[in-house]
């Protein structure tokens, strides 16, 4: 195959100015001016305008050009011409010498006009091709790569935890269950945390990263029934060290996106000024102080109740970067959290609240490392002791101070992108009313 006919990605074209190349891509728009056509193409790596002049292409190519519709797949051969003003953003355009249709597209349902979100989500598999959705997907990709690099560079070990589990980490009322052969019920994991606690005793610094599931009948813009969560666990870290790690982690992710995804954030019209302020240290506010602040701001907030979305938003508005709320009442938090010796009404935990109304992006805690106290909490919660025998073993054989947290990827992506609803932060969202596509 001649080199000019070896297909190139659009992202590679700026460095090939002057060369003749082939590109395979999809049509986004077409425009005609007499005997010249302007065809905008995308291939997932970028956008480029193709100039098709009737005098420069075979008759069959010109006729094919006249039939192009939105999302038709084509192969174009042409010369790469540098032009800083060229549409597409790459500083080049393609002067076509050949064009052929690879896959026609008839009546593509998502036209350039405005569509409601209900319609768009019914066609999510096609909506993914839009500029906005491509930009969000690339930011999500950057967030995930930043997460992996952060832990790799700090010598954490990735531990893959089970999705099917017999023991739960959060509230029993939010479980998806299934029959598991002759062993009774299995549950889709709400968290991998209990398992990474075991791994931390072997490897010191670990994390798991994968899908988690919550059967909450929630319709808010902050909730999905299936979402991705990263959960580090560190031996010998207490609650304070845990919060310091969270600050470094979130600041690193945001900085990475600001550095490497400028074009995508610009496409999303994201005001990056609030993101540029995301640098440690983050403000830390005790739960008790948070209640006092909220009451002073006019909220009806009694001590002992968990913060709801409205309270989180109101509190976060008082700060210019994420805020850490720590030491919540034990009655509203999970059984595995370490009792606060200074105030036994509370536990050594924290939530990180993102600014701009995005709510909790991290929940973390120091874990209860005392066997008797942990057993008492399991009994208090009415959980089956036999399902947690292995978890209690961690406190019998060399118990140790340890702490960890979970960061929700979709909430983090939504915040960084500045998009109003979490469901756009994952390719195929699962919600109370959405199981397809």
Protein backbone atom coordinates (compact mmCIF):
# COMPACT_ATOMS: atom_id res chain seq x y z
CA UNK A 1 0.00 0.00 0.00
CA UNK A 2 1.44 3.42 -0.91
CA UNK A 3 2.30 5.48 2.14
CA UNK A 4 -0.24 8.12 1.06
CA UNK A 5 -2.95 5.47 1.29
CA UNK A 6 -1.99 4.29 4.78
CA UNK A 7 -4.78 5.69 6.98
CA UNK A 8 -3.72 8.40 9.42
CA UNK A 9 -5.41 9.66 12.54
CA UNK A 10 -6.60 13.25 12.51
CA UNK A 11 -4.53 13.98 15.61
CA UNK A 12 -1.39 13.19 13.55
CA UNK A 13 -2.14 15.58 10.68
CA UNK A 14 -0.54 18.78 12.09
CA UNK A 15 2.92 17.18 11.86
CA UNK A 16 2.25 15.93 8.32
CA UNK A 17 1.71 19.31 6.64
CA UNK A 18 2.62 19.03 2.95
CA UNK A 19 2.15 15.26 2.81
CA UNK A 20 -0.60 13.35 1.04
CA UNK A 21 -2.47 11.07 3.41
CA UNK A 22 -5.60 8.97 3.76
CA UNK A 23 -8.09 9.56 6.57
CA UNK A 24 -11.03 7.39 7.59
CA UNK A 25 -13.62 9.24 9.62
CA UNK A 26 -17.24 10.29 10.08
CA UNK A 27 -18.97 13.33 8.58
CA UNK A 28 -20.25 15.92 11.04
CA UNK A 29 -21.28 18.75 8.68
CA UNK A 30 -21.15 19.64 5.00
CA UNK A 31 -21.31 22.97 3.21
CA UNK A 32 -21.25 23.74 -0.53
CA UNK A 33 -20.13 26.87 -2.32
CA UNK A 34 -20.56 26.29 -6.05
CA UNK A 35 -18.14 23.62 -7.16
CA UNK A 36 -16.33 23.45 -3.81
CA UNK A 37 -17.53 21.45 -0.79
CA UNK A 38 -16.37 21.80 2.80
CA UNK A 39 -16.74 18.60 4.81
CA UNK A 40 -16.00 18.47 8.53
CA UNK A 41 -14.76 15.06 9.66
CA UNK A 42 -14.12 13.53 13.07
CA UNK A 43 -12.41 10.24 13.91
CA UNK A 44 -12.35 10.29 17.71
CA UNK A 45 -8.88 11.80 17.86
CA UNK A 46 -9.82 15.19 16.43
CA UNK A 47 -11.65 17.20 13.80
CA UNK A 48 -10.49 18.35 10.38
CA UNK A 49 -12.07 20.21 7.50
CA UNK A 50 -11.79 18.60 4.07
CA UNK A 51 -11.95 20.85 1.03
CA UNK A 52 -13.36 18.99 -2.00
CA UNK A 53 -13.03 20.81 -5.32
CA UNK A 54 -14.92 19.33 -8.28
CA UNK A 55 -11.96 19.90 -10.59
CA UNK A 56 -9.53 18.02 -8.30
CA UNK A 57 -11.44 14.78 -7.69
CA UNK A 58 -12.89 12.04 -9.94
CA UNK A 59 -16.51 12.43 -10.96
CA UNK A 60 -17.54 9.53 -8.73
CA UNK A 61 -15.94 11.24 -5.71
CA UNK A 62 -17.73 14.52 -6.43
CA UNK A 63 -21.05 12.70 -6.81
CA UNK A 64 -20.43 10.84 -3.55
CA UNK A 65 -19.65 14.14 -1.86
CA UNK A 66 -23.08 15.41 -2.84
CA UNK A 67 -24.77 12.54 -0.99
CA UNK A 68 -22.90 12.90 2.29
CA UNK A 69 -25.06 13.04 5.40
CA UNK A 70 -24.34 13.40 9.09
CA UNK A 71 -22.32 10.42 10.44
CA UNK A 72 -21.57 8.88 7.05
CA UNK A 73 -18.24 7.10 7.31
CA UNK A 74 -15.77 7.95 4.54
CA UNK A 75 -12.23 7.54 3.36
CA UNK A 76 -10.57 10.68 2.03
CA UNK A 77 -7.15 10.96 0.38
CA UNK A 78 -5.68 14.43 0.19
CA UNK A 79 -2.86 16.84 0.84
CA UNK A 80 -2.45 18.22 4.36
CA UNK A 81 -2.34 22.01 4.20
CA UNK A 82 -1.32 24.18 7.14
CA UNK A 83 -3.80 26.93 7.98
CA UNK A 84 -3.95 28.38 11.49
CA UNK A 85 -7.52 29.53 10.83
CA UNK A 86 -8.77 26.12 9.69
CA UNK A 87 -11.91 24.91 11.47
CA UNK A 88 -11.36 21.91 13.68
CA UNK A 89 -8.68 23.36 15.90
CA UNK A 90 -5.70 21.44 14.53
CA UNK A 91 -4.27 24.21 12.36
CA UNK A 92 -4.54 22.12 9.17
CA UNK A 93 -7.09 21.16 6.57
CA UNK A 94 -7.19 18.44 3.92
CA UNK A 95 -7.33 19.21 0.20
CA UNK A 96 -9.07 16.13 -1.19
CA UNK A 97 -7.97 14.20 -4.25
CA UNK A 98 -10.18 11.14 -3.62
CA UNK A 99 -13.30 10.48 -1.54
CA UNK A 100 -15.37 7.34 -1.14
CA UNK A 101 -18.21 6.38 1.16
CA UNK A 102 -17.54 3.45 3.48
CA UNK A 103 -20.82 3.42 5.39
CA UNK A 104 -23.88 5.53 4.59
CA UNK A 105 -25.93 7.13 7.37
CA UNK A 106 -29.63 7.67 6.78
CA UNK A 107 -31.69 9.94 9.03
CA UNK A 108 -29.26 10.17 11.93
CA UNK A 109 -31.60 10.88 14.85
CA UNK A 110 -29.48 13.46 16.69
CA UNK A 111 -29.47 16.50 14.44
CA UNK A 112 -27.71 19.80 15.16
CA UNK A 113 -30.95 21.24 16.60
CA UNK A 114 -31.71 21.22 20.33
CA UNK A 115 -32.89 17.94 21.85
CA UNK A 116 -34.18 17.21 25.34
CA UNK A 117 -32.04 15.12 27.67
CA UNK A 118 -34.67 12.33 27.78
CA UNK A 119 -34.41 11.95 24.01
CA UNK A 120 -30.62 12.11 24.09
CA UNK A 121 -30.34 9.41 26.75
CA UNK A 122 -32.64 7.15 24.73
CA UNK A 123 -30.00 7.50 22.00
CA UNK A 124 -26.99 7.48 24.32
CA UNK A 125 -25.05 5.10 22.05
CA UNK A 126 -25.18 7.77 19.34
CA UNK A 127 -25.07 10.86 21.58
CA UNK A 128 -21.58 9.76 22.65
CA UNK A 129 -20.32 11.01 19.26
CA UNK A 130 -21.09 14.67 20.00
CA UNK A 131 -18.31 17.15 20.75
CA UNK A 132 -19.51 17.71 24.30
CA UNK A 133 -19.70 14.01 25.14
CA UNK A 134 -16.31 13.35 23.57
CA UNK A 135 -14.83 16.12 25.70
CA UNK A 136 -16.36 14.68 28.88
CA UNK A 137 -15.09 11.19 27.98
CA UNK A 138 -11.57 12.51 27.52
CA UNK A 139 -11.63 14.30 30.86
CA UNK A 140 -12.87 11.11 32.51
CA UNK A 141 -10.05 9.19 30.84
CA UNK A 142 -7.55 11.73 32.22
CA UNK A 143 -9.02 11.49 35.71
CA UNK A 144 -8.72 7.70 35.68
CA UNK A 145 -5.14 7.79 34.37
CA UNK A 146 -4.25 10.43 36.97
CA UNK A 147 -5.66 8.18 39.69
CA UNK A 148 -3.61 5.20 38.56
CA UNK A 149 -0.44 7.25 38.14
CA UNK A 150 -0.82 8.89 41.57
CA UNK A 151 -0.87 5.54 43.34
CA UNK A 152 1.71 3.88 41.10
CA UNK A 153 4.20 6.68 41.72
CA UNK A 154 3.68 6.29 45.48
CA UNK A 155 4.19 2.52 45.44
CA UNK A 156 0.62 1.52 46.17
CA UNK A 157 -0.36 -1.95 44.96
CA UNK A 158 -3.60 -2.45 43.02
CA UNK A 159 -5.73 -5.23 44.53
CA UNK A 160 -8.76 -6.46 42.59
CA UNK A 161 -11.62 -7.01 45.00
CA UNK A 162 -14.72 -9.13 44.32
CA UNK A 163 -17.89 -7.73 42.81
CA UNK A 164 -19.92 -10.65 44.20
CA UNK A 165 -19.63 -10.72 47.97
CA UNK A 166 -21.26 -12.27 51.00
CA UNK A 167 -20.52 -9.42 53.40
CA UNK A 168 -21.56 -5.81 53.05
CA UNK A 169 -19.78 -2.58 53.83
CA UNK A 170 -22.62 -0.08 53.82
CA UNK A 171 -26.36 -0.06 54.46
CA UNK A 172 -28.19 -3.34 53.92
CA UNK A 173 -31.14 -1.55 52.35
CA UNK A 174 -29.13 -0.48 49.32
CA UNK A 175 -28.02 -3.91 48.10
CA UNK A 176 -28.57 -5.73 44.84
CA UNK A 177 -28.79 -9.44 45.67
CA UNK A 178 -28.77 -12.69 43.75
CA UNK A 179 -28.89 -16.37 44.63
CA UNK A 180 -25.38 -17.82 44.73
CA UNK A 181 -25.55 -21.58 44.06
CA UNK A 182 -26.03 -23.42 47.39
CA UNK A 183 -24.43 -20.70 49.51
CA UNK A 184 -27.41 -18.41 49.85
CA UNK A 185 -27.48 -14.79 48.83
CA UNK A 186 -24.62 -12.90 47.22
CA UNK A 187 -24.56 -9.14 46.84
CA UNK A 188 -23.16 -6.79 44.23
CA UNK A 189 -20.37 -4.97 46.01
CA UNK A 190 -21.09 -1.55 47.46
CA UNK A 191 -17.40 -1.20 48.24
CA UNK A 192 -14.14 -3.13 48.09
CA UNK A 193 -12.99 -1.62 51.36
CA UNK A 194 -13.23 -4.64 53.65
CA UNK A 195 -11.03 -6.60 51.25
CA UNK A 196 -8.38 -3.92 50.83
CA UNK A 197 -8.13 -3.75 54.62
CA UNK A 198 -7.01 -7.39 54.52
CA UNK A 199 -4.62 -6.62 51.67
CA UNK A 200 -3.14 -3.63 53.55
CA UNK A 201 -1.91 -6.05 56.23
CA UNK A 202 0.02 -7.87 53.51
CA UNK A 203 1.20 -5.01 51.31
CA UNK A 204 1.04 -1.85 53.44
CA UNK A 205 -0.34 0.55 50.81
CA UNK A 206 -3.04 -0.74 48.50
CA UNK A 207 -6.06 0.36 46.49
CA UNK A 208 -8.92 -1.17 44.55
CA UNK A 209 -10.62 0.43 41.59
CA UNK A 210 -13.77 -0.76 39.93
CA UNK A 211 -17.56 -0.62 39.65
CA UNK A 212 -19.70 -0.48 42.77
CA UNK A 213 -23.45 -0.75 43.15
CA UNK A 214 -26.12 0.93 45.28
CA UNK A 215 -29.80 -0.04 45.09
CA UNK A 216 -30.96 3.35 46.32
CA UNK A 217 -34.17 4.56 44.70
CA UNK A 218 -32.61 7.96 44.25
CA UNK A 219 -33.48 10.35 41.45
CA UNK A 220 -31.03 13.13 42.27
CA UNK A 221 -28.43 14.48 39.88
CA UNK A 222 -25.70 13.14 42.20
CA UNK A 223 -26.64 9.45 42.21
CA UNK A 224 -26.15 6.41 39.98
CA UNK A 225 -26.94 2.78 40.75
CA UNK A 226 -23.63 1.68 39.22
CA UNK A 227 -20.58 3.88 39.55
CA UNK A 228 -16.81 3.62 39.69
CA UNK A 229 -14.93 4.10 42.93
CA UNK A 230 -11.25 4.09 43.86
CA UNK A 231 -10.47 3.01 47.42
CA UNK A 232 -6.97 3.26 48.89
CA UNK A 233 -6.14 1.73 52.28
CA UNK A 234 -2.94 2.46 54.19
CA UNK A 235 -1.48 0.59 57.14
CA UNK A 236 -0.49 2.86 60.05
CA UNK A 237 -2.35 5.89 58.70
CA UNK A 238 -4.68 7.54 61.19
CA UNK A 239 -7.58 9.84 60.33
CA UNK A 240 -5.39 12.93 60.08
CA UNK A 241 -2.91 11.25 57.71
CA UNK A 242 -5.87 9.93 55.75
CA UNK A 243 -7.18 13.45 55.17
CA UNK A 244 -3.73 14.66 54.11
CA UNK A 245 -3.55 11.88 51.50
CA UNK A 246 -7.00 12.89 50.21
CA UNK A 247 -5.89 16.51 49.77
CA UNK A 248 -2.81 15.52 47.81
CA UNK A 249 -4.82 13.05 45.72
CA UNK A 250 -7.62 15.39 44.67
CA UNK A 251 -5.27 18.32 44.05
CA UNK A 252 -3.15 16.06 41.83
CA UNK A 253 -6.14 14.93 39.74
CA UNK A 254 -7.40 18.48 39.21
CA UNK A 255 -3.95 19.80 38.32
CA UNK A 256 -3.48 16.99 35.79
CA UNK A 257 -6.77 17.83 34.04
CA UNK A 258 -5.97 21.55 33.99
CA UNK A 259 -2.60 20.78 32.42
CA UNK A 260 -3.58 18.14 29.87
CA UNK A 261 -7.27 18.74 29.07
CA UNK A 262 -7.40 22.47 28.37
CA UNK A 263 -9.08 21.95 24.98
CA UNK A 264 -11.78 19.69 26.42
CA UNK A 265 -12.51 22.03 29.33
CA UNK A 266 -12.74 24.90 26.84
CA UNK A 267 -15.15 22.87 24.70
CA UNK A 268 -17.29 22.39 27.83
CA UNK A 269 -17.03 26.15 28.55
CA UNK A 270 -15.73 25.28 32.01
CA UNK A 271 -14.64 28.24 34.12
CA UNK A 272 -11.29 26.91 35.32
CA UNK A 273 -10.65 29.63 37.92
CA UNK A 274 -12.33 27.60 40.73
CA UNK A 275 -10.30 24.53 39.75
CA UNK A 276 -7.05 26.48 39.86
CA UNK A 277 -7.70 27.19 43.55
CA UNK A 278 -7.78 23.46 44.39
CA UNK A 279 -4.47 23.29 46.23
CA UNK A 280 -3.69 21.95 49.73
CA UNK A 281 -4.33 22.54 52.50
CA UNK A 282 -8.10 22.18 52.30
CA UNK A 283 -10.20 23.65 55.10
CA UNK A 284 -11.17 21.14 57.80
CA UNK A 285 -14.38 21.59 59.77
CA UNK A 286 -15.63 19.23 62.48
CA UNK A 287 -19.16 17.94 62.12
CA UNK A 288 -20.13 19.82 65.29
CA UNK A 289 -18.73 23.07 63.88
CA UNK A 290 -20.47 22.38 60.57
CA UNK A 291 -23.83 22.08 62.37
CA UNK A 292 -23.19 25.41 64.12
CA UNK A 293 -22.25 27.07 60.83
CA UNK A 294 -25.32 25.72 59.07
CA UNK A 295 -27.62 26.86 61.86
CA UNK A 296 -26.01 30.30 61.61
CA UNK A 297 -26.77 30.28 57.88
CA UNK A 298 -30.43 29.58 58.52
CA UNK A 299 -30.51 25.83 57.90
CA UNK A 300 -32.64 23.57 60.08
CA UNK A 301 -29.85 21.24 61.13
CA UNK A 302 -29.89 19.30 64.39
CA UNK A 303 -26.78 17.63 65.81
CA UNK A 304 -26.89 13.90 65.16
CA UNK A 305 -28.40 14.03 61.68
CA UNK A 306 -26.34 13.33 58.57
CA UNK A 307 -25.71 16.18 56.16
CA UNK A 308 -28.05 16.12 53.18
CA UNK A 309 -27.32 17.45 49.73
CA UNK A 310 -28.69 20.90 50.50
CA UNK A 311 -26.63 21.20 53.67
CA UNK A 312 -23.49 20.02 51.88
CA UNK A 313 -24.00 22.61 49.15
CA UNK A 314 -24.65 25.44 51.62
CA UNK A 315 -21.61 24.57 53.70
CA UNK A 316 -19.29 24.13 50.70
CA UNK A 317 -20.29 27.57 49.40
CA UNK A 318 -18.46 29.09 52.36
CA UNK A 319 -15.08 27.93 50.99
CA UNK A 320 -13.14 28.41 47.76
CA UNK A 321 -11.89 24.81 47.51
CA UNK A 322 -13.02 21.39 48.76
CA UNK A 323 -13.82 21.26 52.47
CA UNK A 324 -13.29 18.29 54.80
CA UNK A 325 -16.02 17.66 57.37
CA UNK A 326 -14.75 15.26 60.01
CA UNK A 327 -15.88 13.26 63.05
CA UNK A 328 -19.53 12.62 62.30
CA UNK A 329 -21.94 11.04 64.82
CA UNK A 330 -21.44 7.27 65.02
CA UNK A 331 -25.18 6.72 64.53
CA UNK A 332 -25.11 7.91 60.92
CA UNK A 333 -21.92 6.18 59.85
CA UNK A 334 -20.81 2.65 59.06
CA UNK A 335 -19.98 0.02 61.67
CA UNK A 336 -16.30 -0.23 60.73
CA UNK A 337 -15.36 3.36 61.64
CA UNK A 338 -13.09 3.95 64.63
CA UNK A 339 -14.73 5.38 67.73
CA UNK A 340 -13.41 8.82 68.63
CA UNK A 341 -11.94 8.47 72.12
CA UNK A 342 -12.18 12.25 72.67
CA UNK A 343 -15.93 12.18 72.00
CA UNK A 344 -17.45 8.66 71.89
CA UNK A 345 -20.59 10.06 70.26
CA UNK A 346 -18.53 10.43 67.10
CA UNK A 347 -16.22 8.41 64.86
CA UNK A 348 -12.89 9.25 63.22
CA UNK A 349 -14.08 9.84 59.70
CA UNK A 350 -14.43 12.57 57.12
CA UNK A 351 -16.31 13.51 53.99
CA UNK A 352 -14.77 15.76 51.34
CA UNK A 353 -17.28 18.16 49.82
CA UNK A 354 -16.53 19.62 46.41
CA UNK A 355 -17.32 23.30 45.82
CA UNK A 356 -19.85 24.67 43.32
CA UNK A 357 -22.67 22.45 44.53
CA UNK A 358 -21.18 19.05 43.63
CA UNK A 359 -21.38 17.60 47.11
CA UNK A 360 -19.48 14.68 48.60
CA UNK A 361 -16.75 13.25 46.38
CA UNK A 362 -14.86 11.34 49.11
CA UNK A 363 -15.87 9.44 52.21
CA UNK A 364 -13.12 8.09 54.43
CA UNK A 365 -12.28 6.98 57.94
CA UNK A 366 -9.85 5.44 60.32
CA UNK A 367 -11.01 1.84 60.78
CA UNK A 368 -11.94 0.23 64.08
CA UNK A 369 -8.90 -1.89 64.92
CA UNK A 370 -10.11 -3.20 68.30
CA UNK A 371 -11.65 -6.68 68.07
CA UNK A 372 -14.17 -6.30 70.88
CA UNK A 373 -15.37 -2.86 69.78
CA UNK A 374 -15.77 -4.00 66.17
CA UNK A 375 -17.69 -7.12 67.23
CA UNK A 376 -19.95 -4.98 69.38
CA UNK A 377 -20.72 -2.69 66.44
CA UNK A 378 -21.47 -5.65 64.16
CA UNK A 379 -23.92 -6.97 66.75
CA UNK A 380 -25.37 -3.51 67.29
CA UNK A 381 -26.10 -3.23 63.57
CA UNK A 382 -27.68 -6.69 63.51
CA UNK A 383 -25.20 -7.97 60.92
CA UNK A 384 -24.53 -11.73 60.58
CA UNK A 385 -21.38 -12.43 62.58
CA UNK A 386 -20.45 -15.47 60.53
CA UNK A 387 -20.22 -13.33 57.36
CA UNK A 388 -17.66 -11.10 59.09
CA UNK A 389 -15.56 -13.78 60.81
CA UNK A 390 -12.75 -13.26 58.31
CA UNK A 391 -12.94 -9.47 58.78
CA UNK A 392 -12.72 -9.85 62.55
CA UNK A 393 -9.65 -12.08 62.06
CA UNK A 394 -7.75 -8.98 60.93
CA UNK A 395 -8.12 -7.69 64.49
CA UNK A 396 -7.08 -11.03 66.04
CA UNK A 397 -3.82 -11.57 64.19
CA UNK A 398 -1.65 -8.47 64.49
CA UNK A 399 -4.21 -5.69 64.55
CA UNK A 400 -2.98 -2.32 63.32
CA UNK A 401 -4.04 1.28 62.92
CA UNK A 402 -5.21 1.84 59.35
CA UNK A 403 -7.35 4.21 57.33
CA UNK A 404 -8.68 4.68 53.85
CA UNK A 405 -11.27 6.36 51.70
CA UNK A 406 -13.37 6.05 48.58
CA UNK A 407 -13.54 8.60 45.76
CA UNK A 408 -16.46 8.46 43.32
CA UNK A 409 -15.18 8.89 39.78
CA UNK A 410 -18.41 10.19 38.24
CA UNK A 411 -18.95 12.91 40.84
CA UNK A 412 -15.34 13.98 40.45
CA UNK A 413 -15.61 14.08 36.66
CA UNK A 414 -18.88 16.02 36.83
CA UNK A 415 -17.27 18.59 39.13
CA UNK A 416 -14.11 19.00 37.04
CA UNK A 417 -16.15 19.29 33.82
CA UNK A 418 -18.68 21.63 35.41
CA UNK A 419 -21.62 19.59 34.09
CA UNK A 420 -24.94 19.67 35.92
CA UNK A 421 -25.75 15.95 36.06
CA UNK A 422 -23.59 12.98 37.02
CA UNK A 423 -25.19 10.76 34.36
CA UNK A 424 -23.16 12.44 31.60
CA UNK A 425 -19.92 11.52 33.42
CA UNK A 426 -20.08 7.85 32.40
CA UNK A 427 -20.64 6.42 28.93
CA UNK A 428 -23.68 4.29 29.78
CA UNK A 429 -25.26 5.45 33.05
CA UNK A 430 -27.36 3.17 35.19
CA UNK A 431 -30.12 4.96 37.08
CA UNK A 432 -33.46 4.06 38.61
CA UNK A 433 -35.09 4.23 35.17
CA UNK A 434 -32.19 3.41 32.87
CA UNK A 435 -30.95 -0.11 32.11
CA UNK A 436 -30.30 0.38 28.36
CA UNK A 437 -28.58 1.03 26.05
